[in-house]
Amino acid sequence: MNIGNLRTLVDLERRVVTRNSIGDEIPTWELVSSVYADVHPIRGREYLSLREMQSDITTRITSRYLAGVDTTMRFKVG
């Protein structure tokens, strides 16, 4: 890995579920770490679904090793 390509600052977030005063679950995202990564779009498309424009973007994000990352977490760019 060429560390010169890691030039985009991204946030690694974990999903946290809290409850409000009446007991409803409210999902939120909690910041785990901010890291520099290489963000490379692989493909994207726009389509019409239920009379609304939808978009689907697949992106490859490469960063240095960070312990504790799992598939339930997300990267937030920008």
C-alpha atoms as a PDB file:
ATOM      1  CA  MET A   1       0.000   0.000   0.000  1.00  0.00           C
ATOM      2  CA  ASN A   2       1.308   3.404  -0.986  1.00  0.00           C
ATOM      3  CA  ILE A   3       0.556   5.743   1.934  1.00  0.00           C
ATOM      4  CA  GLY A   4       0.645   8.704  -0.457  1.00  0.00           C
ATOM      5  CA  ASN A   5      -2.775   7.596  -1.712  1.00  0.00           C
ATOM      6  CA  LEU A   6      -4.313   7.933   1.776  1.00  0.00           C
ATOM      7  CA  ARG A   7      -5.353  11.559   1.403  1.00  0.00           C
ATOM      8  CA  THR A   8      -9.052  11.650   2.263  1.00  0.00           C
ATOM      9  CA  LEU A   9     -10.058  12.068   5.902  1.00  0.00           C
ATOM     10  CA  VAL A  10     -12.954   9.697   6.701  1.00  0.00           C
ATOM     11  CA  ASP A  11     -14.855   8.993   9.917  1.00  0.00           C
ATOM     12  CA  LEU A  12     -15.324   5.434  11.142  1.00  0.00           C
ATOM     13  CA  GLU A  13     -18.650   5.180  12.971  1.00  0.00           C
ATOM     14  CA  ARG A  14     -20.422   2.512  15.019  1.00  0.00           C
ATOM     15  CA  ARG A  15     -24.206   2.160  15.315  1.00  0.00           C
ATOM     16  CA  VAL A  16     -25.588   2.790  18.786  1.00  0.00           C
ATOM     17  CA  VAL A  17     -29.227   2.236  19.739  1.00  0.00           C
ATOM     18  CA  THR A  18     -30.625   4.417  22.539  1.00  0.00           C
ATOM     19  CA  ARG A  19     -34.127   4.651  23.991  1.00  0.00           C
ATOM     20  CA  ASN A  20     -36.180   7.787  24.451  1.00  0.00           C
ATOM     21  CA  SER A  21     -38.516   8.558  27.373  1.00  0.00           C
ATOM     22  CA  ILE A  22     -41.342   6.361  26.048  1.00  0.00           C
ATOM     23  CA  GLY A  23     -39.108   3.401  25.212  1.00  0.00           C
ATOM     24  CA  ASP A  24     -38.738   3.779  21.445  1.00  0.00           C
ATOM     25  CA  GLU A  25     -35.397   2.685  20.014  1.00  0.00           C
ATOM     26  CA  ILE A  26     -33.491   5.492  18.288  1.00  0.00           C
ATOM     27  CA  PRO A  27     -30.516   4.390  16.167  1.00  0.00           C
ATOM     28  CA  THR A  28     -27.610   6.861  16.028  1.00  0.00           C
ATOM     29  CA  TRP A  29     -23.998   6.704  14.847  1.00  0.00           C
ATOM     30  CA  GLU A  30     -21.074   7.245  17.222  1.00  0.00           C
ATOM     31  CA  LEU A  31     -17.615   8.317  16.012  1.00  0.00           C
ATOM     32  CA  VAL A  32     -14.971   5.646  16.619  1.00  0.00           C
ATOM     33  CA  SER A  33     -12.014   7.217  14.822  1.00  0.00           C
ATOM     34  CA  SER A  34     -11.035   9.600  12.034  1.00  0.00           C
ATOM     35  CA  VAL A  35      -8.477   8.120   9.649  1.00  0.00           C
ATOM     36  CA  TYR A  36      -6.915   8.956   6.308  1.00  0.00           C
ATOM     37  CA  ALA A  37      -7.956   6.604   3.526  1.00  0.00           C
ATOM     38  CA  ASP A  38      -7.954   6.100  -0.232  1.00  0.00           C
ATOM     39  CA  VAL A  39     -11.531   6.479  -1.479  1.00  0.00           C
ATOM     40  CA  HIS A  40     -12.076   4.982  -4.937  1.00  0.00           C
ATOM     41  CA  PRO A  41     -15.553   4.739  -6.505  1.00  0.00           C
ATOM     42  CA  ILE A  42     -16.074   1.380  -8.231  1.00  0.00           C
ATOM     43  CA  ARG A  43     -19.496   1.854  -9.819  1.00  0.00           C
ATOM     44  CA  GLY A  44     -22.613   3.931  -9.477  1.00  0.00           C
ATOM     45  CA  ARG A  45     -26.068   4.035 -10.981  1.00  0.00           C
ATOM     46  CA  GLU A  46     -29.292   5.973 -10.800  1.00  0.00           C
ATOM     47  CA  TYR A  47     -32.682   4.381 -11.255  1.00  0.00           C
ATOM     48  CA  LEU A  48     -36.367   5.132 -10.850  1.00  0.00           C
ATOM     49  CA  SER A  49     -38.121   3.203  -8.079  1.00  0.00           C
ATOM     50  CA  LEU A  50     -41.670   3.895  -6.906  1.00  0.00           C
ATOM     51  CA  ARG A  51     -41.640   7.124  -8.924  1.00  0.00           C
ATOM     52  CA  GLU A  52     -38.623   8.443  -7.018  1.00  0.00           C
ATOM     53  CA  MET A  53     -35.049   8.789  -8.260  1.00  0.00           C
ATOM     54  CA  GLN A  54     -32.722   6.484  -6.336  1.00  0.00           C
ATOM     55  CA  SER A  55     -28.939   6.168  -6.485  1.00  0.00           C
ATOM     56  CA  ASP A  56     -26.617   3.302  -5.663  1.00  0.00           C
ATOM     57  CA  ILE A  57     -22.873   3.879  -5.291  1.00  0.00           C
ATOM     58  CA  THR A  58     -20.260   1.217  -4.545  1.00  0.00           C
ATOM     59  CA  THR A  59     -16.951   2.524  -3.215  1.00  0.00           C
ATOM     60  CA  ARG A  60     -13.676   0.900  -2.175  1.00  0.00           C
ATOM     61  CA  ILE A  61     -12.108   2.481   0.914  1.00  0.00           C
ATOM     62  CA  THR A  62      -8.544   1.492   1.822  1.00  0.00           C
ATOM     63  CA  SER A  63      -6.928   2.584   5.090  1.00  0.00           C
ATOM     64  CA  ARG A  64      -4.244   1.426   7.458  1.00  0.00           C
ATOM     65  CA  TYR A  65      -5.054  -1.434   9.840  1.00  0.00           C
ATOM     66  CA  LEU A  66      -7.299  -0.432  12.730  1.00  0.00           C
ATOM     67  CA  ALA A  67      -8.056  -3.010  15.425  1.00  0.00           C
ATOM     68  CA  GLY A  68     -11.684  -3.633  16.337  1.00  0.00           C
ATOM     69  CA  VAL A  69     -13.292  -2.790  12.983  1.00  0.00           C
ATOM     70  CA  ASP A  70     -16.191  -5.062  12.015  1.00  0.00           C
ATOM     71  CA  THR A  71     -18.897  -5.267   9.358  1.00  0.00           C
ATOM     72  CA  THR A  72     -21.495  -3.389  11.420  1.00  0.00           C
ATOM     73  CA  MET A  73     -19.477  -0.163  11.237  1.00  0.00           C
ATOM     74  CA  ARG A  74     -19.532   2.404   8.451  1.00  0.00           C
ATOM     75  CA  PHE A  75     -17.198   4.953   6.917  1.00  0.00           C
ATOM     76  CA  LYS A  76     -18.514   8.492   6.468  1.00  0.00           C
ATOM     77  CA  VAL A  77     -16.786  10.594   3.833  1.00  0.00           C
ATOM     78  CA  GLY A  78     -17.110  14.387   3.889  1.00  0.00           C
END
